[in-house]
């Protein structure tokens, strides 16, 4: 469970509407980040 509590570096991505979203926008909120990669 330690991995779930680690802090991550701030980064920015575009949402599905093309707006830039930063992980720091969710500071103080429980956030699940799901990353998918297809090679």
N, C-alpha and C. Protein backbone atom coordinates (compact mmCIF):
# COMPACT_ATOMS: atom_id res chain seq x y z
N UNK A 1 0.81 -1.20 0.00
CA UNK A 1 0.00 0.00 0.00
C UNK A 1 0.85 1.26 0.00
N UNK A 2 2.14 1.16 0.28
CA UNK A 2 2.99 2.34 0.31
C UNK A 2 2.94 3.08 -1.03
N UNK A 3 2.93 2.35 -2.11
CA UNK A 3 2.91 2.96 -3.43
C UNK A 3 1.70 3.89 -3.59
N UNK A 4 0.60 3.56 -3.00
CA UNK A 4 -0.61 4.37 -3.12
C UNK A 4 -0.51 5.70 -2.40
N UNK A 5 0.41 5.81 -1.46
CA UNK A 5 0.53 7.02 -0.66
C UNK A 5 1.69 7.91 -1.08
N UNK A 6 2.46 7.52 -2.07
CA UNK A 6 3.61 8.31 -2.49
C UNK A 6 3.18 9.54 -3.27
N UNK A 7 3.92 10.62 -3.09
CA UNK A 7 3.66 11.84 -3.84
C UNK A 7 4.35 11.73 -5.20
N UNK A 8 3.75 12.37 -6.19
CA UNK A 8 4.32 12.35 -7.53
C UNK A 8 4.67 13.77 -7.95
N UNK A 9 5.53 13.88 -8.96
CA UNK A 9 5.88 15.19 -9.49
C UNK A 9 4.71 15.74 -10.29
N UNK A 10 4.61 17.06 -10.30
CA UNK A 10 3.54 17.71 -11.04
C UNK A 10 3.75 17.49 -12.54
N UNK A 11 2.68 17.23 -13.26
CA UNK A 11 2.73 17.12 -14.71
C UNK A 11 1.42 17.60 -15.29
N UNK A 12 1.43 17.91 -16.58
CA UNK A 12 0.23 18.43 -17.25
C UNK A 12 -0.08 17.58 -18.47
N UNK A 13 -1.37 17.39 -18.72
CA UNK A 13 -1.85 16.67 -19.89
C UNK A 13 -3.09 17.38 -20.40
N UNK A 14 -3.49 17.06 -21.62
CA UNK A 14 -4.74 17.59 -22.15
C UNK A 14 -5.88 16.63 -21.84
N UNK A 15 -7.04 17.19 -21.45
CA UNK A 15 -8.20 16.34 -21.23
C UNK A 15 -8.89 16.07 -22.57
N UNK A 16 -9.98 15.35 -22.56
CA UNK A 16 -10.65 14.97 -23.80
C UNK A 16 -11.22 16.17 -24.56
N UNK A 17 -11.34 17.32 -23.88
CA UNK A 17 -11.84 18.53 -24.53
C UNK A 17 -10.71 19.46 -24.98
N UNK A 18 -9.47 19.02 -24.81
CA UNK A 18 -8.33 19.81 -25.24
C UNK A 18 -7.84 20.84 -24.23
N UNK A 19 -8.39 20.83 -23.02
CA UNK A 19 -7.97 21.75 -21.97
C UNK A 19 -6.80 21.16 -21.20
N UNK A 20 -5.83 21.99 -20.87
CA UNK A 20 -4.68 21.52 -20.10
C UNK A 20 -5.07 21.32 -18.64
N UNK A 21 -4.72 20.16 -18.11
CA UNK A 21 -5.03 19.82 -16.72
C UNK A 21 -3.72 19.42 -16.04
N UNK A 22 -3.51 19.95 -14.85
CA UNK A 22 -2.32 19.63 -14.07
C UNK A 22 -2.71 18.75 -12.90
N UNK A 23 -1.83 17.86 -12.53
CA UNK A 23 -2.11 17.00 -11.38
C UNK A 23 -2.26 17.84 -10.11
N UNK A 24 -1.60 19.00 -10.07
CA UNK A 24 -1.72 19.86 -8.88
C UNK A 24 -3.12 20.47 -8.76
N UNK A 25 -3.91 20.44 -9.83
CA UNK A 25 -5.30 20.90 -9.76
C UNK A 25 -6.12 20.04 -8.81
N UNK A 26 -5.64 18.84 -8.53
CA UNK A 26 -6.36 17.90 -7.68
C UNK A 26 -5.74 17.77 -6.29
N UNK A 27 -4.86 18.69 -5.95
CA UNK A 27 -4.18 18.65 -4.64
C UNK A 27 -5.22 18.60 -3.51
N UNK A 28 -5.00 17.69 -2.56
CA UNK A 28 -5.90 17.55 -1.43
C UNK A 28 -7.09 16.65 -1.69
N UNK A 29 -7.20 16.13 -2.92
CA UNK A 29 -8.31 15.24 -3.26
C UNK A 29 -7.76 13.85 -3.53
N UNK A 30 -8.55 12.83 -3.22
CA UNK A 30 -8.16 11.47 -3.58
C UNK A 30 -8.22 11.35 -5.09
N UNK A 31 -7.13 10.90 -5.69
CA UNK A 31 -7.04 10.85 -7.14
C UNK A 31 -6.46 9.51 -7.59
N UNK A 32 -7.12 8.88 -8.51
CA UNK A 32 -6.62 7.64 -9.11
C UNK A 32 -6.15 7.97 -10.51
N UNK A 33 -4.90 7.63 -10.81
CA UNK A 33 -4.34 7.87 -12.13
C UNK A 33 -4.18 6.51 -12.80
N UNK A 34 -4.87 6.34 -13.89
CA UNK A 34 -4.83 5.10 -14.64
C UNK A 34 -4.15 5.39 -15.98
N UNK A 35 -3.00 4.79 -16.20
CA UNK A 35 -2.27 5.00 -17.45
C UNK A 35 -2.31 3.72 -18.27
N UNK A 36 -2.59 3.88 -19.53
CA UNK A 36 -2.69 2.76 -20.43
C UNK A 36 -1.70 2.96 -21.57
N UNK A 37 -1.00 1.94 -21.93
CA UNK A 37 -0.06 2.03 -23.04
C UNK A 37 -0.28 0.82 -23.97
N UNK A 38 -0.23 1.08 -25.22
CA UNK A 38 -0.34 0.01 -26.21
C UNK A 38 0.84 0.14 -27.15
N UNK A 39 1.60 -0.90 -27.26
CA UNK A 39 2.80 -0.84 -28.10
C UNK A 39 2.50 -1.37 -29.45
